[in-house]
Amino acid sequence: MYNKTFVIAAALCLSLMLGMVGCAKKDVKHLASDVCMVTPGTSTKQEVLNFLGQPDAEYELAGGGILWVYHEAKKSILRGTPYIGEKISEETYEVVKVTFNGDNVQNIDYRTMSEEEFDEAGLAE
């Protein structure tokens, strides 16, 4: 009895550890919370890189500034359901736009977008 319980507990622990290792390799962004650490007029490009990482896109603005765009898809759990997932659930996107004037942050814009809005905005890679 003791050996059977030990084997089951060991197998359970091993499967949990393997599951956690798989999750640890995913590059996860937390745009909603990380963008709160950036302050317009005070934060620098290096601080934005520290908090948000490399931008998904970078644009030069007509007025001489630079725009960094970050985005992340948020899929519902139902989205992964085979055959019907895409029909019964919607994918949304978190989008952060950071405008720089020189080395300092001038403006930050955070919003969520539907899949359609995201595609229309031309932010898809």
C-alpha atoms as a PDB file:
ATOM      1  CA  MET A   1       0.000   0.000   0.000  1.00  0.00           C
ATOM      2  CA  TYR A   2       2.781   2.403   0.950  1.00  0.00           C
ATOM      3  CA  ASN A   3       4.752   1.744  -2.262  1.00  0.00           C
ATOM      4  CA  LYS A   4       1.699   2.292  -4.468  1.00  0.00           C
ATOM      5  CA  THR A   5       0.932   5.629  -2.781  1.00  0.00           C
ATOM      6  CA  PHE A   6       4.568   6.702  -3.099  1.00  0.00           C
ATOM      7  CA  VAL A   7       4.670   5.838  -6.812  1.00  0.00           C
ATOM      8  CA  ILE A   8       1.445   7.763  -7.471  1.00  0.00           C
ATOM      9  CA  ALA A   9       2.698  10.793  -5.509  1.00  0.00           C
ATOM     10  CA  ALA A  10       6.050  10.722  -7.303  1.00  0.00           C
ATOM     11  CA  ALA A  11       4.354  10.478 -10.720  1.00  0.00           C
ATOM     12  CA  LEU A  12       2.055  13.368  -9.831  1.00  0.00           C
ATOM     13  CA  CYS A  13       4.982  15.536  -8.686  1.00  0.00           C
ATOM     14  CA  LEU A  14       6.963  14.706 -11.812  1.00  0.00           C
ATOM     15  CA  SER A  15       4.066  15.604 -14.098  1.00  0.00           C
ATOM     16  CA  LEU A  16       3.507  18.901 -12.244  1.00  0.00           C
ATOM     17  CA  MET A  17       7.207  19.782 -12.533  1.00  0.00           C
ATOM     18  CA  LEU A  18       7.223  18.999 -16.251  1.00  0.00           C
ATOM     19  CA  GLY A  19       4.128  21.137 -16.706  1.00  0.00           C
ATOM     20  CA  MET A  20       5.741  24.058 -14.906  1.00  0.00           C
ATOM     21  CA  VAL A  21       8.896  23.758 -17.001  1.00  0.00           C
ATOM     22  CA  GLY A  22       6.769  23.983 -20.148  1.00  0.00           C
ATOM     23  CA  CYS A  23       5.113  27.154 -18.893  1.00  0.00           C
ATOM     24  CA  ALA A  24       8.407  28.733 -17.898  1.00  0.00           C
ATOM     25  CA  LYS A  25       9.676  28.718 -21.476  1.00  0.00           C
ATOM     26  CA  LYS A  26       6.828  30.879 -22.770  1.00  0.00           C
ATOM     27  CA  ASP A  27       7.619  34.553 -23.252  1.00  0.00           C
ATOM     28  CA  VAL A  28       4.796  36.193 -21.348  1.00  0.00           C
ATOM     29  CA  LYS A  29       4.078  39.895 -21.481  1.00  0.00           C
ATOM     30  CA  HIS A  30       2.039  41.704 -18.872  1.00  0.00           C
ATOM     31  CA  LEU A  31       1.388  44.888 -20.789  1.00  0.00           C
ATOM     32  CA  ALA A  32      -1.435  46.159 -18.588  1.00  0.00           C
ATOM     33  CA  SER A  33       0.673  46.132 -15.427  1.00  0.00           C
ATOM     34  CA  ASP A  34       4.084  46.878 -16.946  1.00  0.00           C
ATOM     35  CA  VAL A  35       2.908  50.004 -18.769  1.00  0.00           C
ATOM     36  CA  CYS A  36       1.878  51.504 -15.412  1.00  0.00           C
ATOM     37  CA  MET A  37       5.564  51.712 -14.506  1.00  0.00           C
ATOM     38  CA  VAL A  38       6.276  54.123 -17.384  1.00  0.00           C
ATOM     39  CA  THR A  39       5.682  57.827 -16.743  1.00  0.00           C
ATOM     40  CA  PRO A  40       5.340  60.363 -19.587  1.00  0.00           C
ATOM     41  CA  GLY A  41       7.838  63.203 -19.282  1.00  0.00           C
ATOM     42  CA  THR A  42      10.031  61.250 -16.860  1.00  0.00           C
ATOM     43  CA  SER A  43      10.762  57.751 -18.162  1.00  0.00           C
ATOM     44  CA  THR A  44      13.517  57.128 -20.714  1.00  0.00           C
ATOM     45  CA  LYS A  45      13.869  54.660 -23.594  1.00  0.00           C
ATOM     46  CA  GLN A  46      16.061  52.427 -21.451  1.00  0.00           C
ATOM     47  CA  GLU A  47      13.431  52.293 -18.705  1.00  0.00           C
ATOM     48  CA  VAL A  48      10.763  51.373 -21.270  1.00  0.00           C
ATOM     49  CA  LEU A  49      13.041  48.606 -22.561  1.00  0.00           C
ATOM     50  CA  ASN A  50      13.523  47.370 -18.994  1.00  0.00           C
ATOM     51  CA  PHE A  51       9.793  47.280 -18.258  1.00  0.00           C
ATOM     52  CA  LEU A  52       8.311  46.259 -21.620  1.00  0.00           C
ATOM     53  CA  GLY A  53      11.219  44.732 -23.549  1.00  0.00           C
ATOM     54  CA  GLN A  54      11.892  45.185 -27.252  1.00  0.00           C
ATOM     55  CA  PRO A  55       8.960  46.748 -29.143  1.00  0.00           C
ATOM     56  CA  ASP A  56       7.014  44.676 -31.659  1.00  0.00           C
ATOM     57  CA  ALA A  57       7.214  47.578 -34.129  1.00  0.00           C
ATOM     58  CA  GLU A  58       9.008  50.928 -34.352  1.00  0.00           C
ATOM     59  CA  TYR A  59       8.000  53.923 -36.467  1.00  0.00           C
ATOM     60  CA  GLU A  60       9.558  57.327 -37.120  1.00  0.00           C
ATOM     61  CA  LEU A  61       7.014  60.114 -36.785  1.00  0.00           C
ATOM     62  CA  ALA A  62       6.765  63.147 -39.064  1.00  0.00           C
ATOM     63  CA  GLY A  63       7.503  65.538 -36.204  1.00  0.00           C
ATOM     64  CA  GLY A  64      10.810  63.837 -35.457  1.00  0.00           C
ATOM     65  CA  GLY A  65       9.658  61.564 -32.663  1.00  0.00           C
ATOM     66  CA  ILE A  66       9.666  57.780 -32.461  1.00  0.00           C
ATOM     67  CA  LEU A  67       6.709  55.469 -31.810  1.00  0.00           C
ATOM     68  CA  TRP A  68       7.171  52.037 -30.256  1.00  0.00           C
ATOM     69  CA  VAL A  69       4.250  49.623 -30.463  1.00  0.00           C
ATOM     70  CA  TYR A  70       3.770  46.598 -28.222  1.00  0.00           C
ATOM     71  CA  HIS A  71       0.944  44.097 -28.642  1.00  0.00           C
ATOM     72  CA  GLU A  72      -0.170  40.811 -27.211  1.00  0.00           C
ATOM     73  CA  ALA A  73      -2.983  38.486 -28.230  1.00  0.00           C
ATOM     74  CA  LYS A  74      -5.345  37.419 -25.475  1.00  0.00           C
ATOM     75  CA  LYS A  75      -7.119  34.194 -26.320  1.00  0.00           C
ATOM     76  CA  SER A  76      -9.973  32.823 -24.287  1.00  0.00           C
ATOM     77  CA  ILE A  77      -9.782  29.241 -23.072  1.00  0.00           C
ATOM     78  CA  LEU A  78     -12.551  28.260 -25.483  1.00  0.00           C
ATOM     79  CA  ARG A  79     -10.476  29.548 -28.426  1.00  0.00           C
ATOM     80  CA  GLY A  80      -8.392  26.360 -28.367  1.00  0.00           C
ATOM     81  CA  THR A  81     -11.396  24.081 -28.783  1.00  0.00           C
ATOM     82  CA  PRO A  82     -10.927  22.082 -31.996  1.00  0.00           C
ATOM     83  CA  TYR A  83     -13.233  22.909 -34.914  1.00  0.00           C
ATOM     84  CA  ILE A  84     -15.491  25.370 -33.052  1.00  0.00           C
ATOM     85  CA  GLY A  85     -13.081  27.453 -30.948  1.00  0.00           C
ATOM     86  CA  GLU A  86     -12.695  30.230 -33.492  1.00  0.00           C
ATOM     87  CA  LYS A  87     -16.459  30.435 -33.998  1.00  0.00           C
ATOM     88  CA  ILE A  88     -17.542  30.602 -30.348  1.00  0.00           C
ATOM     89  CA  SER A  89     -14.882  32.870 -28.864  1.00  0.00           C
ATOM     90  CA  GLU A  90     -13.120  36.060 -29.818  1.00  0.00           C
ATOM     91  CA  GLU A  91      -9.452  36.911 -29.726  1.00  0.00           C
ATOM     92  CA  THR A  92      -8.620  40.332 -28.300  1.00  0.00           C
ATOM     93  CA  TYR A  93      -5.384  42.279 -28.293  1.00  0.00           C
ATOM     94  CA  GLU A  94      -3.696  44.517 -25.765  1.00  0.00           C
ATOM     95  CA  VAL A  95      -1.863  47.331 -27.549  1.00  0.00           C
ATOM     96  CA  VAL A  96       0.560  49.852 -26.062  1.00  0.00           C
ATOM     97  CA  LYS A  97       1.896  52.783 -28.073  1.00  0.00           C
ATOM     98  CA  VAL A  98       4.807  54.717 -26.559  1.00  0.00           C
ATOM     99  CA  THR A  99       5.805  58.014 -28.198  1.00  0.00           C
ATOM    100  CA  PHE A 100       9.281  59.401 -27.573  1.00  0.00           C
ATOM    101  CA  ASN A 101      10.545  62.949 -27.907  1.00  0.00           C
ATOM    102  CA  GLY A 102      14.297  62.403 -27.975  1.00  0.00           C
ATOM    103  CA  ASP A 103      15.159  59.943 -25.203  1.00  0.00           C
ATOM    104  CA  ASN A 104      12.138  60.683 -22.992  1.00  0.00           C
ATOM    105  CA  VAL A 105       8.620  59.276 -23.117  1.00  0.00           C
ATOM    106  CA  GLN A 106       6.208  61.886 -24.404  1.00  0.00           C
ATOM    107  CA  ASN A 107       2.953  59.888 -24.427  1.00  0.00           C
ATOM    108  CA  ILE A 108       1.603  56.409 -23.669  1.00  0.00           C
ATOM    109  CA  ASP A 109      -1.560  54.922 -25.111  1.00  0.00           C
ATOM    110  CA  TYR A 110      -2.899  51.594 -23.805  1.00  0.00           C
ATOM    111  CA  ARG A 111      -6.032  49.955 -25.164  1.00  0.00           C
ATOM    112  CA  THR A 112      -7.601  46.663 -26.014  1.00  0.00           C
ATOM    113  CA  MET A 113      -8.738  45.895 -29.544  1.00  0.00           C
ATOM    114  CA  SER A 114     -10.923  43.287 -31.142  1.00  0.00           C
ATOM    115  CA  GLU A 115      -9.355  41.067 -33.775  1.00  0.00           C
ATOM    116  CA  GLU A 116     -11.030  43.136 -36.489  1.00  0.00           C
ATOM    117  CA  GLU A 117      -9.780  46.463 -35.073  1.00  0.00           C
ATOM    118  CA  PHE A 118      -6.276  45.033 -34.744  1.00  0.00           C
ATOM    119  CA  ASP A 119      -6.246  43.889 -38.371  1.00  0.00           C
ATOM    120  CA  GLU A 120      -7.615  47.246 -39.589  1.00  0.00           C
ATOM    121  CA  ALA A 121      -4.952  49.125 -37.625  1.00  0.00           C
ATOM    122  CA  GLY A 122      -2.255  47.283 -39.581  1.00  0.00           C
ATOM    123  CA  LEU A 123      -0.429  46.114 -36.458  1.00  0.00           C
ATOM    124  CA  ALA A 124      -0.346  42.434 -37.406  1.00  0.00           C
ATOM    125  CA  GLU A 125       3.068  41.116 -38.324  1.00  0.00           C
END
